[in-house]
C-alpha atoms as a PDB file:
ATOM      1  CA  MET A   1     125.307   0.689 -74.197  1.00  0.00           C
ATOM      2  CA  VAL A   2     126.255   1.696 -70.660  1.00  0.00           C
ATOM      3  CA  ASP A   3     127.859  -1.553 -69.529  1.00  0.00           C
ATOM      4  CA  GLY A   4     130.819  -1.180 -71.897  1.00  0.00           C
ATOM      5  CA  TRP A   5     132.143   2.027 -70.365  1.00  0.00           C
ATOM      6  CA  CYS A   6     130.731   1.843 -66.842  1.00  0.00           C
ATOM      7  CA  LYS A   7     132.640  -1.187 -65.566  1.00  0.00           C
ATOM      8  CA  TRP A   8     134.836   1.186 -63.575  1.00  0.00           C
ATOM      9  CA  LEU A   9     131.847   2.459 -61.572  1.00  0.00           C
ATOM     10  CA  ASP A  10     132.132  -0.416 -59.106  1.00  0.00           C
ATOM     11  CA  MET A  11     135.470   1.028 -57.945  1.00  0.00           C
ATOM     12  CA  PHE A  12     133.707   3.991 -56.321  1.00  0.00           C
ATOM     13  CA  GLU A  13     133.016   3.049 -52.738  1.00  0.00           C
ATOM     14  CA  ASP A  14     133.212   6.347 -50.904  1.00  0.00           C
ATOM     15  CA  ILE A  15     131.141   8.741 -52.963  1.00  0.00           C
ATOM     16  CA  HIS A  16     129.080  11.385 -51.207  1.00  0.00           C
ATOM     17  CA  ALA A  17     126.717  12.403 -54.022  1.00  0.00           C
ATOM     18  CA  VAL A  18     125.888  11.666 -57.634  1.00  0.00           C
ATOM     19  CA  ILE A  19     125.801  14.545 -60.103  1.00  0.00           C
ATOM     20  CA  PHE A  20     124.073  13.910 -63.407  1.00  0.00           C
ATOM     21  CA  CYS A  21     124.201  16.672 -65.994  1.00  0.00           C
ATOM     22  CA  VAL A  22     121.647  16.965 -68.803  1.00  0.00           C
ATOM     23  CA  GLY A  23     121.828  19.423 -71.698  1.00  0.00           C
ATOM     24  CA  LEU A  24     118.276  20.761 -71.923  1.00  0.00           C
ATOM     25  CA  ASP A  25     118.819  21.622 -75.573  1.00  0.00           C
ATOM     26  CA  ALA A  26     119.261  17.941 -76.541  1.00  0.00           C
ATOM     27  CA  TYR A  27     115.530  17.278 -76.905  1.00  0.00           C
ATOM     28  CA  ASP A  28     115.514  17.689 -80.696  1.00  0.00           C
ATOM     29  CA  GLN A  29     119.059  16.507 -81.488  1.00  0.00           C
ATOM     30  CA  MET A  30     119.905  13.158 -82.994  1.00  0.00           C
ATOM     31  CA  SER A  31     122.919  10.971 -82.307  1.00  0.00           C
ATOM     32  CA  THR A  32     124.201   7.518 -83.136  1.00  0.00           C
ATOM     33  CA  THR A  33     125.710   5.245 -80.510  1.00  0.00           C
ATOM     34  CA  ASN A  34     127.888   3.523 -83.103  1.00  0.00           C
ATOM     35  CA  GLU A  35     128.391   3.387 -86.871  1.00  0.00           C
ATOM     36  CA  MET A  36     125.950   0.502 -87.260  1.00  0.00           C
ATOM     37  CA  SER A  37     122.950   2.046 -85.500  1.00  0.00           C
ATOM     38  CA  SER A  38     120.400   4.470 -86.807  1.00  0.00           C
ATOM     39  CA  PRO A  39     120.219   7.955 -85.268  1.00  0.00           C
ATOM     40  CA  GLN A  40     118.309   8.270 -82.000  1.00  0.00           C
ATOM     41  CA  ASN A  41     117.018  11.285 -80.135  1.00  0.00           C
ATOM     42  CA  LYS A  42     119.728  12.502 -77.713  1.00  0.00           C
ATOM     43  CA  MET A  43     117.289  13.144 -74.874  1.00  0.00           C
ATOM     44  CA  MET A  44     116.061   9.560 -75.166  1.00  0.00           C
ATOM     45  CA  LEU A  45     119.686   8.366 -75.013  1.00  0.00           C
ATOM     46  CA  ILE A  46     120.245  10.574 -71.943  1.00  0.00           C
ATOM     47  CA  ARG A  47     117.150   9.070 -70.340  1.00  0.00           C
ATOM     48  CA  GLU A  48     118.428   5.552 -71.043  1.00  0.00           C
ATOM     49  CA  LEU A  49     121.844   6.380 -69.582  1.00  0.00           C
ATOM     50  CA  PHE A  50     120.204   7.931 -66.523  1.00  0.00           C
ATOM     51  CA  GLU A  51     118.038   4.838 -65.959  1.00  0.00           C
ATOM     52  CA  ASN A  52     121.059   2.550 -66.309  1.00  0.00           C
ATOM     53  CA  ILE A  53     123.222   4.567 -63.924  1.00  0.00           C
ATOM     54  CA  LEU A  54     120.479   4.393 -61.286  1.00  0.00           C
ATOM     55  CA  LYS A  55     120.883   0.606 -61.250  1.00  0.00           C
ATOM     56  CA  TYR A  56     124.540   0.609 -60.152  1.00  0.00           C
ATOM     57  CA  PRO A  57     124.963  -0.497 -56.523  1.00  0.00           C
ATOM     58  CA  CYS A  58     127.611   2.136 -55.743  1.00  0.00           C
ATOM     59  CA  PHE A  59     125.011   4.876 -56.327  1.00  0.00           C
ATOM     60  CA  GLN A  60     122.221   3.287 -54.287  1.00  0.00           C
ATOM     61  CA  GLY A  61     121.106   5.502 -51.424  1.00  0.00           C
ATOM     62  CA  LYS A  62     123.405   8.375 -52.392  1.00  0.00           C
ATOM     63  CA  PRO A  63     121.942  11.851 -52.753  1.00  0.00           C
ATOM     64  CA  THR A  64     121.572  12.657 -56.436  1.00  0.00           C
ATOM     65  CA  VAL A  65     121.635  16.098 -57.996  1.00  0.00           C
ATOM     66  CA  LEU A  66     120.443  16.642 -61.530  1.00  0.00           C
ATOM     67  CA  PHE A  67     122.012  19.635 -63.278  1.00  0.00           C
ATOM     68  CA  LEU A  68     119.692  20.777 -66.040  1.00  0.00           C
ATOM     69  CA  ASN A  69     122.293  22.576 -68.091  1.00  0.00           C
ATOM     70  CA  LYS A  70     122.261  24.974 -71.033  1.00  0.00           C
ATOM     71  CA  TYR A  71     119.095  26.681 -69.849  1.00  0.00           C
ATOM     72  CA  ASP A  72     120.088  29.828 -71.754  1.00  0.00           C
ATOM     73  CA  VAL A  73     120.344  27.900 -75.044  1.00  0.00           C
ATOM     74  CA  PHE A  74     117.168  25.990 -74.233  1.00  0.00           C
ATOM     75  CA  GLU A  75     115.278  29.195 -73.461  1.00  0.00           C
ATOM     76  CA  GLU A  76     116.083  30.592 -76.907  1.00  0.00           C
ATOM     77  CA  LYS A  77     115.385  27.310 -78.698  1.00  0.00           C
ATOM     78  CA  ALA A  78     112.174  26.183 -76.969  1.00  0.00           C
ATOM     79  CA  HIS A  79     110.004  28.835 -78.596  1.00  0.00           C
ATOM     80  CA  ARG A  80     111.178  27.789 -82.083  1.00  0.00           C
ATOM     81  CA  ILE A  81     111.269  23.994 -81.749  1.00  0.00           C
ATOM     82  CA  PRO A  82     108.608  22.359 -79.564  1.00  0.00           C
ATOM     83  CA  ILE A  83     109.866  19.907 -76.968  1.00  0.00           C
ATOM     84  CA  THR A  84     107.246  17.472 -78.201  1.00  0.00           C
ATOM     85  CA  SER A  85     109.731  16.639 -80.964  1.00  0.00           C
ATOM     86  CA  CYS A  86     111.144  14.273 -78.324  1.00  0.00           C
ATOM     87  CA  GLU A  87     108.826  11.301 -77.821  1.00  0.00           C
ATOM     88  CA  TRP A  88     109.394  11.353 -74.035  1.00  0.00           C
ATOM     89  CA  PHE A  89     107.855  14.835 -73.940  1.00  0.00           C
ATOM     90  CA  SER A  90     104.968  14.120 -76.293  1.00  0.00           C
ATOM     91  CA  ASP A  91     102.401  14.714 -73.528  1.00  0.00           C
ATOM     92  CA  PHE A  92     103.566  18.298 -72.870  1.00  0.00           C
ATOM     93  CA  ASN A  93     100.747  20.756 -73.388  1.00  0.00           C
ATOM     94  CA  PRO A  94     101.826  24.341 -72.664  1.00  0.00           C
ATOM     95  CA  VAL A  95      99.601  27.203 -71.722  1.00  0.00           C
ATOM     96  CA  GLN A  96      99.332  29.641 -74.638  1.00  0.00           C
ATOM     97  CA  PHE A  97     102.290  32.017 -74.709  1.00  0.00           C
ATOM     98  CA  SER A  98     103.083  35.333 -76.299  1.00  0.00           C
ATOM     99  CA  LYS A  99     105.454  35.622 -79.255  1.00  0.00           C
ATOM    100  CA  ARG A 100     106.760  38.799 -77.610  1.00  0.00           C
ATOM    101  CA  ASN A 101     107.917  36.769 -74.625  1.00  0.00           C
ATOM    102  CA  PRO A 102     109.618  33.637 -76.022  1.00  0.00           C
ATOM    103  CA  GLY A 103     111.142  32.821 -72.612  1.00  0.00           C
ATOM    104  CA  HIS A 104     107.662  32.127 -71.287  1.00  0.00           C
ATOM    105  CA  ILE A 105     107.531  28.698 -72.930  1.00  0.00           C
ATOM    106  CA  ALA A 106     110.896  27.791 -71.371  1.00  0.00           C
ATOM    107  CA  GLU A 107     109.526  28.812 -67.970  1.00  0.00           C
ATOM    108  CA  GLN A 108     106.710  26.275 -68.439  1.00  0.00           C
ATOM    109  CA  THR A 109     108.898  23.613 -69.999  1.00  0.00           C
ATOM    110  CA  TYR A 110     111.760  23.579 -67.487  1.00  0.00           C
ATOM    111  CA  PRO A 111     109.684  22.366 -64.509  1.00  0.00           C
ATOM    112  CA  TYR A 112     107.969  19.834 -66.777  1.00  0.00           C
ATOM    113  CA  ILE A 113     111.330  18.324 -67.803  1.00  0.00           C
ATOM    114  CA  ALA A 114     112.594  18.414 -64.211  1.00  0.00           C
ATOM    115  CA  GLN A 115     109.440  16.598 -63.115  1.00  0.00           C
ATOM    116  CA  LYS A 116     109.933  13.920 -65.802  1.00  0.00           C
ATOM    117  CA  PHE A 117     113.399  13.153 -64.414  1.00  0.00           C
ATOM    118  CA  LYS A 118     112.135  13.324 -60.809  1.00  0.00           C
ATOM    119  CA  LYS A 119     109.350  10.873 -61.540  1.00  0.00           C
ATOM    120  CA  LEU A 120     111.739   8.506 -63.339  1.00  0.00           C
ATOM    121  CA  PHE A 121     114.199   8.699 -60.445  1.00  0.00           C
ATOM    122  CA  GLY A 122     111.518   8.272 -57.794  1.00  0.00           C
ATOM    123  CA  MET A 123     110.023   5.219 -59.495  1.00  0.00           C
ATOM    124  CA  ALA A 124     113.466   3.612 -59.854  1.00  0.00           C
ATOM    125  CA  THR A 125     114.844   4.399 -56.390  1.00  0.00           C
ATOM    126  CA  GLY A 126     111.996   5.446 -54.112  1.00  0.00           C
ATOM    127  CA  GLN A 127     114.035   8.524 -53.261  1.00  0.00           C
ATOM    128  CA  LYS A 128     113.945  12.161 -54.265  1.00  0.00           C
ATOM    129  CA  ILE A 129     116.351  13.834 -56.616  1.00  0.00           C
ATOM    130  CA  PHE A 130     117.533  17.405 -56.315  1.00  0.00           C
ATOM    131  CA  THR A 131     117.526  19.555 -59.451  1.00  0.00           C
ATOM    132  CA  PHE A 132     119.361  22.721 -60.332  1.00  0.00           C
ATOM    133  CA  LYS A 133     119.114  24.958 -63.403  1.00  0.00           C
ATOM    134  CA  VAL A 134     122.535  25.822 -64.862  1.00  0.00           C
ATOM    135  CA  ASN A 135     123.874  28.070 -67.600  1.00  0.00           C
ATOM    136  CA  ALA A 136     127.327  26.527 -68.006  1.00  0.00           C
ATOM    137  CA  ARG A 137     128.668  29.633 -69.710  1.00  0.00           C
ATOM    138  CA  GLU A 138     127.857  31.688 -66.610  1.00  0.00           C
ATOM    139  CA  LYS A 139     130.389  31.000 -63.900  1.00  0.00           C
ATOM    140  CA  SER A 140     128.019  32.239 -61.201  1.00  0.00           C
ATOM    141  CA  THR A 141     125.377  29.567 -61.971  1.00  0.00           C
ATOM    142  CA  VAL A 142     128.049  26.859 -62.054  1.00  0.00           C
ATOM    143  CA  ASN A 143     129.362  28.034 -58.670  1.00  0.00           C
ATOM    144  CA  GLU A 144     125.813  28.130 -57.283  1.00  0.00           C
ATOM    145  CA  ALA A 145     125.189  24.615 -58.589  1.00  0.00           C
ATOM    146  CA  PHE A 146     128.227  23.224 -56.793  1.00  0.00           C
ATOM    147  CA  GLN A 147     127.295  25.127 -53.632  1.00  0.00           C
ATOM    148  CA  TYR A 148     123.909  23.430 -53.909  1.00  0.00           C
ATOM    149  CA  VAL A 149     125.635  20.031 -54.115  1.00  0.00           C
ATOM    150  CA  LYS A 150     127.557  20.869 -50.928  1.00  0.00           C
ATOM    151  CA  GLU A 151     124.235  21.733 -49.254  1.00  0.00           C
ATOM    152  CA  VAL A 152     122.705  18.439 -50.403  1.00  0.00           C
ATOM    153  CA  ILE A 153     125.667  16.520 -48.989  1.00  0.00           C
ATOM    154  CA  SER A 154     125.255  18.421 -45.699  1.00  0.00           C
ATOM    155  CA  TRP A 155     121.532  17.590 -45.615  1.00  0.00           C
ATOM    156  CA  GLU A 156     122.343  13.925 -46.172  1.00  0.00           C
ATOM    157  CA  LYS A 157     124.901  13.959 -43.353  1.00  0.00           C
ATOM    158  CA  ILE A 158     122.366  15.651 -41.067  1.00  0.00           C
ATOM    159  CA  ARG A 159     119.709  13.108 -42.009  1.00  0.00           C
ATOM    160  CA  ARG A 160     122.086  10.203 -41.333  1.00  0.00           C
ATOM    161  CA  ASP A 161     123.412  11.645 -38.058  1.00  0.00           C
ATOM    162  CA  GLY A 162     120.050  12.883 -36.822  1.00  0.00           C
ATOM    163  CA  SER A 163     121.516  16.341 -36.238  1.00  0.00           C
ATOM    164  CA  LEU A 164     119.481  19.435 -37.144  1.00  0.00           C
ATOM    165  CA  SER A 165     122.044  22.174 -36.432  1.00  0.00           C
ATOM    166  CA  MET A 166     122.952  23.053 -40.031  1.00  0.00           C
ATOM    167  CA  VAL A 167     119.486  22.942 -41.609  1.00  0.00           C
ATOM    168  CA  GLN A 168     118.573  26.516 -40.689  1.00  0.00           C
ATOM    169  CA  ASP A 169     121.685  27.912 -42.416  1.00  0.00           C
ATOM    170  CA  SER A 170     120.758  26.488 -45.811  1.00  0.00           C
ATOM    171  CA  MET A 171     119.641  28.833 -48.581  1.00  0.00           C
ATOM    172  CA  TYR A 172     118.035  25.973 -50.507  1.00  0.00           C
ATOM    173  CA  THR A 173     114.885  23.990 -49.982  1.00  0.00           C
ATOM    174  CA  THR A 174     114.778  20.290 -49.233  1.00  0.00           C
ATOM    175  CA  GLU A 175     111.331  20.014 -50.798  1.00  0.00           C
ATOM    176  CA  LEU A 176     110.827  17.627 -53.718  1.00  0.00           C
ATOM    177  CA  SER A 177     110.625  20.591 -56.048  1.00  0.00           C
ATOM    178  CA  SER A 178     111.180  24.281 -55.644  1.00  0.00           C
ATOM    179  CA  TYR A 179     108.782  24.867 -58.526  1.00  0.00           C
ATOM    180  CA  PRO A 180     105.055  24.296 -58.338  1.00  0.00           C
ATOM    181  CA  THR A 181     104.536  21.740 -61.065  1.00  0.00           C
ATOM    182  CA  PRO A 182     101.155  20.659 -62.376  1.00  0.00           C
ATOM    183  CA  PHE A 183     102.897  17.908 -64.316  1.00  0.00           C
ATOM    184  CA  ASP A 184     103.030  15.227 -61.635  1.00  0.00           C
ATOM    185  CA  GLY A 185     100.332  13.096 -63.237  1.00  0.00           C
ATOM    186  CA  HIS A 186      97.468  14.117 -60.929  1.00  0.00           C
END
């Protein structure tokens, strides 16, 4: 699936970071890759694409930022349609939530999904991935997301150069996750 359109990836030699954007609301949507195939879950297709992109040599060792997009849509949808409708998320077991606070389930689900991608990335590369929650319709979150990417690139430069001068000016964490997640398999 990926090889057909990703042949051009080898032409990128001087990239500073990889940005991968995932629509959080895709977990229950179906799609076909061509007219001959049967519909597949979009989140599973995203996962497959993500795994394949990680294999390309031009991305090896580059800082990677995962934009988990459409959080606003996801927040509204997650209380109506369980994320377990996607087979990748079948092990999700939320804490009981109130029907008066439908956003509560999204607050539990977001770090779970982020952790799934982090674990997949870590197993494939041995590195950490940076995640950022985005509402693409809100310009401020898009601007913050790209500021975050700039920070990640700065951190990578500092790590490579051994310089620590810019670290204290960062408003973001370099920790594996800025959310405490009980979903790391322990």
